[in-house]
Amino acid sequence: EVQLQASGGGSVQAGGSLRLACAASGFTFDSYAIAWFRQAPGKEREGVSCVSNIDGRTYYGDSVKGRFTISSDTAENTVYLQMSSLEPEDTAVYYCAAERIPTVMIPSTWRNPRVYNYWGQGTLVTVSS
C-alpha cells in the first residue's frame, strides 16, 4: 500500500523557516517524482516544488524560487522541503504527492496535480506578519 506521510507544518512569523518532511512507503521510491503542492483557502492547489528520484533534478514554482529547497533522502525514503524567508502568502496546507513520471515529461507536467495518483495528508503552514 502506497503511503505518504507529510509532517513539519506549524506557525511562524514572516522571515522564519520551517522544514517539511514527506515519508514514503509502499512503492519503489527511486523510480518516482515527489512533489509538494499547497492550497490556500479559496485558491487552487499550486505546485511548489518537485524532485525526480531518477535523475535528481529539482523544480520550483516561481513564487518560491530562491527561498525553498527540496531534497530527497533515498536511504530514508523521505523528501524534505526546507522553507526559508517565509511570507504570509506562503500560508497554506501543504501536500506531498508521488507519481512515476517519465523524466522528459517532468518539466512540463510536475505542476499539474492531476498527474499524481498518490497523495499524503496535508500539513498546515501558517505565516504571520
N, C-alpha and C. Protein backbone atom coordinates (compact mmCIF):
# COMPACT_ATOMS: atom_id res chain seq x y z
N GLU A 1 0.85 -1.20 0.00
CA GLU A 1 0.00 0.00 0.00
C GLU A 1 0.88 1.25 0.00
N VAL A 2 0.62 2.13 -0.95
CA VAL A 2 1.38 3.38 -1.03
C VAL A 2 0.94 4.31 0.09
N GLN A 3 1.92 4.84 0.80
CA GLN A 3 1.62 5.80 1.86
C GLN A 3 2.60 6.95 1.78
N LEU A 4 2.07 8.15 1.92
CA LEU A 4 2.87 9.36 2.02
C LEU A 4 2.44 10.08 3.28
N GLN A 5 3.39 10.35 4.14
CA GLN A 5 3.09 10.98 5.43
C GLN A 5 3.82 12.31 5.49
N ALA A 6 3.05 13.39 5.42
CA ALA A 6 3.64 14.73 5.49
C ALA A 6 3.65 15.22 6.93
N SER A 7 4.71 15.92 7.28
CA SER A 7 4.82 16.46 8.64
C SER A 7 5.69 17.71 8.61
N GLY A 8 5.70 18.42 9.73
CA GLY A 8 6.59 19.57 9.87
C GLY A 8 5.93 20.92 9.79
N GLY A 9 4.64 20.96 9.53
CA GLY A 9 3.97 22.25 9.47
C GLY A 9 3.89 22.91 10.83
N GLY A 10 3.52 24.17 10.83
CA GLY A 10 3.41 24.90 12.09
C GLY A 10 3.18 26.37 11.82
N SER A 11 3.31 27.16 12.88
CA SER A 11 3.10 28.60 12.79
C SER A 11 4.43 29.31 13.01
N VAL A 12 4.74 30.22 12.12
CA VAL A 12 5.97 31.00 12.23
C VAL A 12 5.68 32.44 11.85
N GLN A 13 6.59 33.32 12.24
CA GLN A 13 6.48 34.71 11.81
C GLN A 13 7.16 34.89 10.46
N ALA A 14 6.74 35.94 9.78
CA ALA A 14 7.35 36.25 8.49
C ALA A 14 8.87 36.36 8.64
N GLY A 15 9.57 35.78 7.67
CA GLY A 15 11.02 35.75 7.72
C GLY A 15 11.59 34.49 8.33
N GLY A 16 10.72 33.70 8.95
CA GLY A 16 11.16 32.48 9.60
C GLY A 16 11.30 31.31 8.64
N SER A 17 11.62 30.15 9.22
CA SER A 17 11.87 28.95 8.43
C SER A 17 11.10 27.76 9.01
N LEU A 18 10.81 26.82 8.13
CA LEU A 18 10.24 25.54 8.52
C LEU A 18 10.78 24.48 7.57
N ARG A 19 10.83 23.24 8.05
CA ARG A 19 11.19 22.13 7.18
C ARG A 19 10.08 21.11 7.20
N LEU A 20 9.53 20.85 6.04
CA LEU A 20 8.51 19.82 5.90
C LEU A 20 9.18 18.51 5.49
N ALA A 21 8.58 17.41 5.89
CA ALA A 21 9.06 16.08 5.51
C ALA A 21 7.92 15.26 4.93
N CYS A 22 8.24 14.46 3.95
CA CYS A 22 7.27 13.55 3.34
C CYS A 22 7.89 12.16 3.37
N ALA A 23 7.41 11.32 4.27
CA ALA A 23 7.92 9.96 4.40
C ALA A 23 7.09 9.04 3.53
N ALA A 24 7.78 8.29 2.67
CA ALA A 24 7.09 7.46 1.68
C ALA A 24 7.31 5.99 1.96
N SER A 25 6.32 5.19 1.61
CA SER A 25 6.45 3.74 1.72
C SER A 25 5.49 3.08 0.75
N GLY A 26 5.76 1.81 0.43
CA GLY A 26 4.85 1.04 -0.40
C GLY A 26 5.09 1.13 -1.89
N PHE A 27 6.17 1.81 -2.31
CA PHE A 27 6.49 1.87 -3.73
C PHE A 27 7.99 2.05 -3.90
N THR A 28 8.45 1.89 -5.12
CA THR A 28 9.88 1.99 -5.42
C THR A 28 10.27 3.46 -5.46
N PHE A 29 10.70 3.96 -4.34
CA PHE A 29 10.95 5.38 -4.14
C PHE A 29 11.86 5.94 -5.22
N ASP A 30 12.90 5.20 -5.58
CA ASP A 30 13.90 5.69 -6.54
C ASP A 30 13.34 5.91 -7.94
N SER A 31 12.15 5.41 -8.22
CA SER A 31 11.59 5.48 -9.56
C SER A 31 10.54 6.58 -9.71
N TYR A 32 10.33 7.33 -8.66
CA TYR A 32 9.22 8.27 -8.64
C TYR A 32 9.67 9.73 -8.55
N ALA A 33 8.82 10.59 -9.05
CA ALA A 33 8.93 12.01 -8.78
C ALA A 33 8.06 12.32 -7.57
N ILE A 34 8.61 13.12 -6.68
CA ILE A 34 7.88 13.53 -5.48
C ILE A 34 7.72 15.04 -5.52
N ALA A 35 6.52 15.50 -5.32
CA ALA A 35 6.25 16.93 -5.41
C ALA A 35 5.56 17.44 -4.15
N TRP A 36 5.75 18.71 -3.92
CA TRP A 36 5.00 19.43 -2.88
C TRP A 36 4.03 20.38 -3.55
N PHE A 37 2.80 20.35 -3.08
CA PHE A 37 1.77 21.29 -3.51
C PHE A 37 1.29 22.04 -2.27
N ARG A 38 0.62 23.15 -2.51
CA ARG A 38 -0.02 23.85 -1.40
C ARG A 38 -1.37 24.39 -1.87
N GLN A 39 -2.23 24.54 -0.90
CA GLN A 39 -3.56 25.07 -1.20
C GLN A 39 -3.99 25.99 -0.09
N ALA A 40 -4.19 27.25 -0.45
CA ALA A 40 -4.70 28.24 0.49
C ALA A 40 -6.21 28.30 0.36
N PRO A 41 -6.90 28.77 1.39
CA PRO A 41 -8.37 28.85 1.34
C PRO A 41 -8.84 29.64 0.12
N GLY A 42 -9.75 29.05 -0.63
CA GLY A 42 -10.32 29.74 -1.77
C GLY A 42 -9.45 29.76 -3.01
N LYS A 43 -8.31 29.08 -2.95
CA LYS A 43 -7.40 29.08 -4.10
C LYS A 43 -7.19 27.67 -4.62
N GLU A 44 -6.70 27.58 -5.84
CA GLU A 44 -6.42 26.29 -6.43
C GLU A 44 -5.13 25.71 -5.84
N ARG A 45 -5.02 24.39 -5.95
CA ARG A 45 -3.81 23.74 -5.50
C ARG A 45 -2.65 24.15 -6.41
N GLU A 46 -1.55 24.54 -5.79
CA GLU A 46 -0.42 25.11 -6.52
C GLU A 46 0.82 24.23 -6.37
N GLY A 47 1.49 23.96 -7.47
CA GLY A 47 2.74 23.21 -7.42
C GLY A 47 3.84 24.08 -6.83
N VAL A 48 4.50 23.59 -5.80
CA VAL A 48 5.55 24.34 -5.10
C VAL A 48 6.93 23.88 -5.57
N SER A 49 7.14 22.58 -5.55
CA SER A 49 8.46 22.05 -5.91
C SER A 49 8.35 20.57 -6.21
N CYS A 50 9.33 20.07 -6.94
CA CYS A 50 9.33 18.66 -7.32
C CYS A 50 10.77 18.17 -7.42
N VAL A 51 10.98 16.92 -7.05
CA VAL A 51 12.30 16.29 -7.23
C VAL A 51 12.10 14.97 -7.94
N SER A 52 12.95 14.73 -8.92
CA SER A 52 12.94 13.44 -9.58
C SER A 52 13.94 12.53 -8.88
N ASN A 53 13.48 11.42 -8.35
CA ASN A 53 14.39 10.48 -7.71
C ASN A 53 15.15 9.64 -8.74
N ILE A 54 14.81 9.82 -10.01
CA ILE A 54 15.52 9.08 -11.07
C ILE A 54 16.81 9.81 -11.43
N ASP A 55 16.71 11.11 -11.69
CA ASP A 55 17.91 11.83 -12.10
C ASP A 55 18.32 12.95 -11.14
N GLY A 56 17.55 13.12 -10.06
CA GLY A 56 17.93 14.09 -9.04
C GLY A 56 17.60 15.53 -9.36
N ARG A 57 16.98 15.78 -10.50
CA ARG A 57 16.68 17.16 -10.85
C ARG A 57 15.57 17.71 -9.96
N THR A 58 15.65 19.01 -9.74
CA THR A 58 14.66 19.67 -8.90
C THR A 58 13.98 20.79 -9.68
N TYR A 59 12.78 21.09 -9.27
CA TYR A 59 11.96 22.09 -9.95
C TYR A 59 11.24 22.91 -8.90
N TYR A 60 11.06 24.20 -9.20
CA TYR A 60 10.43 25.10 -8.25
C TYR A 60 9.43 26.01 -8.94
N GLY A 61 8.37 26.33 -8.20
CA GLY A 61 7.46 27.35 -8.67
C GLY A 61 8.11 28.72 -8.55
N ASP A 62 7.67 29.63 -9.37
CA ASP A 62 8.29 30.96 -9.41
C ASP A 62 8.19 31.68 -8.06
N SER A 63 7.11 31.45 -7.35
CA SER A 63 6.90 32.19 -6.10
C SER A 63 7.80 31.73 -4.96
N VAL A 64 8.47 30.59 -5.12
CA VAL A 64 9.30 30.07 -4.03
C VAL A 64 10.77 29.93 -4.41
N LYS A 65 11.11 30.20 -5.66
CA LYS A 65 12.50 30.07 -6.10
C LYS A 65 13.40 30.95 -5.25
N GLY A 66 14.50 30.37 -4.82
CA GLY A 66 15.45 31.11 -4.01
C GLY A 66 15.13 31.10 -2.53
N ARG A 67 13.96 30.65 -2.16
CA ARG A 67 13.56 30.61 -0.74
C ARG A 67 13.37 29.19 -0.23
N PHE A 68 12.89 28.32 -1.10
CA PHE A 68 12.60 26.93 -0.72
C PHE A 68 13.62 26.01 -1.39
N THR A 69 13.94 24.92 -0.70
CA THR A 69 14.86 23.92 -1.24
C THR A 69 14.28 22.54 -1.01
N ILE A 70 14.16 21.77 -2.08
CA ILE A 70 13.67 20.40 -1.97
C ILE A 70 14.86 19.45 -2.01
N SER A 71 14.78 18.40 -1.21
CA SER A 71 15.84 17.39 -1.21
C SER A 71 15.22 16.03 -0.96
N SER A 72 15.95 15.01 -1.39
CA SER A 72 15.45 13.65 -1.27
C SER A 72 16.49 12.77 -0.61
N ASP A 73 16.08 12.06 0.41
CA ASP A 73 16.94 11.11 1.10
C ASP A 73 16.48 9.71 0.71
N THR A 74 17.16 9.13 -0.26
CA THR A 74 16.71 7.83 -0.76
C THR A 74 16.96 6.70 0.24
N ALA A 75 17.85 6.92 1.18
CA ALA A 75 18.08 5.91 2.22
C ALA A 75 16.91 5.86 3.20
N GLU A 76 16.31 7.03 3.43
CA GLU A 76 15.19 7.12 4.38
C GLU A 76 13.84 7.18 3.68
N ASN A 77 13.84 7.16 2.34
CA ASN A 77 12.58 7.29 1.57
C ASN A 77 11.79 8.52 2.02
N THR A 78 12.48 9.61 2.15
CA THR A 78 11.86 10.84 2.64
C THR A 78 12.29 12.02 1.78
N VAL A 79 11.35 12.86 1.46
CA VAL A 79 11.63 14.11 0.74
C VAL A 79 11.38 15.27 1.69
N TYR A 80 12.29 16.22 1.68
CA TYR A 80 12.19 17.38 2.56
C TYR A 80 11.95 18.64 1.73
N LEU A 81 11.27 19.58 2.35
CA LEU A 81 11.11 20.90 1.76
C LEU A 81 11.55 21.91 2.82
N GLN A 82 12.74 22.46 2.63
CA GLN A 82 13.23 23.50 3.52
C GLN A 82 12.70 24.84 3.05
N MET A 83 11.95 25.49 3.91
CA MET A 83 11.31 26.76 3.56
C MET A 83 11.93 27.87 4.39
N SER A 84 12.48 28.86 3.73
CA SER A 84 13.11 29.99 4.41
C SER A 84 12.48 31.29 3.92
N SER A 85 12.77 32.36 4.65
CA SER A 85 12.22 33.68 4.31
C SER A 85 10.72 33.59 4.05
N LEU A 86 10.04 32.93 4.94
CA LEU A 86 8.61 32.70 4.75
C LEU A 86 7.84 34.01 4.78
N GLU A 87 6.80 34.05 3.97
CA GLU A 87 5.95 35.22 3.83
C GLU A 87 4.52 34.82 4.18
N PRO A 88 3.70 35.79 4.59
CA PRO A 88 2.29 35.46 4.87
C PRO A 88 1.61 34.77 3.69
N GLU A 89 2.05 35.10 2.47
CA GLU A 89 1.44 34.49 1.29
C GLU A 89 1.77 33.01 1.15
N ASP A 90 2.71 32.51 1.95
CA ASP A 90 3.04 31.09 1.94
C ASP A 90 2.08 30.28 2.81
N THR A 91 1.20 30.95 3.53
CA THR A 91 0.24 30.26 4.39
C THR A 91 -0.67 29.37 3.55
N ALA A 92 -0.71 28.10 3.88
CA ALA A 92 -1.50 27.13 3.11
C ALA A 92 -1.38 25.76 3.77
N VAL A 93 -2.20 24.84 3.32
CA VAL A 93 -2.00 23.43 3.62
C VAL A 93 -1.07 22.87 2.56
N TYR A 94 0.00 22.24 3.00
CA TYR A 94 1.00 21.69 2.10
C TYR A 94 0.82 20.17 2.00
N TYR A 95 0.84 19.69 0.76
CA TYR A 95 0.66 18.27 0.48
C TYR A 95 1.87 17.74 -0.29
N CYS A 96 2.24 16.49 -0.04
CA CYS A 96 3.21 15.85 -0.91
C CYS A 96 2.48 14.84 -1.79
N ALA A 97 3.04 14.63 -2.96
CA ALA A 97 2.44 13.74 -3.93
C ALA A 97 3.54 12.98 -4.66
N ALA A 98 3.19 11.80 -5.16
CA ALA A 98 4.16 10.96 -5.84
C ALA A 98 3.56 10.36 -7.10
N GLU A 99 4.40 10.28 -8.11
CA GLU A 99 3.98 9.63 -9.34
C GLU A 99 5.21 9.19 -10.12
N ARG A 100 5.04 8.16 -10.91
CA ARG A 100 6.12 7.68 -11.77
C ARG A 100 6.01 8.42 -13.10
N ILE A 101 6.65 9.57 -13.17
CA ILE A 101 6.57 10.42 -14.35
C ILE A 101 7.84 10.25 -15.17
N PRO A 102 7.74 9.99 -16.47
CA PRO A 102 8.96 9.94 -17.28
C PRO A 102 9.75 11.23 -17.14
N THR A 103 11.06 11.11 -16.99
CA THR A 103 11.86 12.29 -16.69
C THR A 103 11.71 13.38 -17.74
N VAL A 104 11.55 13.00 -19.01
CA VAL A 104 11.44 14.03 -20.05
C VAL A 104 10.14 14.81 -19.93
N MET A 105 9.16 14.25 -19.23
CA MET A 105 7.88 14.92 -19.11
C MET A 105 7.77 15.76 -17.84
N ILE A 106 8.67 15.55 -16.90
CA ILE A 106 8.55 16.25 -15.62
C ILE A 106 8.53 17.77 -15.78
N PRO A 107 9.45 18.36 -16.55
CA PRO A 107 9.45 19.83 -16.62
C PRO A 107 8.12 20.44 -17.04
N SER A 108 7.38 19.77 -17.89
CA SER A 108 6.13 20.33 -18.40
C SER A 108 4.90 19.88 -17.64
N THR A 109 5.05 18.91 -16.73
CA THR A 109 3.86 18.35 -16.09
C THR A 109 3.86 18.40 -14.57
N TRP A 110 5.00 18.67 -13.95
CA TRP A 110 5.06 18.48 -12.49
C TRP A 110 4.09 19.37 -11.72
N ARG A 111 3.74 20.52 -12.28
CA ARG A 111 2.85 21.45 -11.57
C ARG A 111 1.38 21.02 -11.60
N ASN A 112 1.05 20.06 -12.43
CA ASN A 112 -0.35 19.67 -12.61
C ASN A 112 -0.73 18.62 -11.58
N PRO A 113 -1.60 18.94 -10.63
CA PRO A 113 -1.94 17.97 -9.59
C PRO A 113 -2.61 16.71 -10.15
N ARG A 114 -3.23 16.81 -11.31
CA ARG A 114 -3.93 15.64 -11.88
C ARG A 114 -2.96 14.58 -12.36
N VAL A 115 -1.70 14.93 -12.46
CA VAL A 115 -0.69 13.95 -12.88
C VAL A 115 -0.42 12.91 -11.80
N TYR A 116 -0.66 13.26 -10.55
CA TYR A 116 -0.25 12.44 -9.40
C TYR A 116 -1.40 11.58 -8.89
N ASN A 117 -1.13 10.31 -8.72
CA ASN A 117 -2.12 9.38 -8.19
C ASN A 117 -2.01 9.20 -6.68
N TYR A 118 -0.85 9.52 -6.12
CA TYR A 118 -0.64 9.25 -4.70
C TYR A 118 -0.42 10.56 -3.95
N TRP A 119 -1.15 10.73 -2.87
CA TRP A 119 -1.13 11.95 -2.10
C TRP A 119 -1.01 11.64 -0.62
N GLY A 120 -0.30 12.49 0.08
CA GLY A 120 -0.28 12.42 1.53
C GLY A 120 -1.34 13.33 2.10
N GLN A 121 -1.53 13.24 3.40
CA GLN A 121 -2.44 14.17 4.05
C GLN A 121 -1.75 15.52 4.14
N GLY A 122 -2.44 16.56 4.31
CA GLY A 122 -1.82 17.88 4.34
C GLY A 122 -1.22 18.22 5.69
N THR A 123 -0.32 19.18 5.65
CA THR A 123 0.22 19.75 6.88
C THR A 123 0.12 21.26 6.76
N LEU A 124 -0.41 21.90 7.79
CA LEU A 124 -0.73 23.32 7.73
C LEU A 124 0.48 24.17 8.08
N VAL A 125 0.75 25.15 7.22
CA VAL A 125 1.79 26.14 7.47
C VAL A 125 1.10 27.50 7.57
N THR A 126 1.34 28.17 8.68
CA THR A 126 0.76 29.49 8.91
C THR A 126 1.89 30.49 9.16
N VAL A 127 1.93 31.53 8.33
CA VAL A 127 2.97 32.55 8.47
C VAL A 127 2.29 33.87 8.83
N SER A 128 2.66 34.41 9.95
CA SER A 128 2.05 35.66 10.41
C SER A 128 2.99 36.83 10.14
N SER A 129 2.37 37.98 9.90
CA SER A 129 3.17 39.19 9.59
C SER A 129 3.57 39.93 10.85
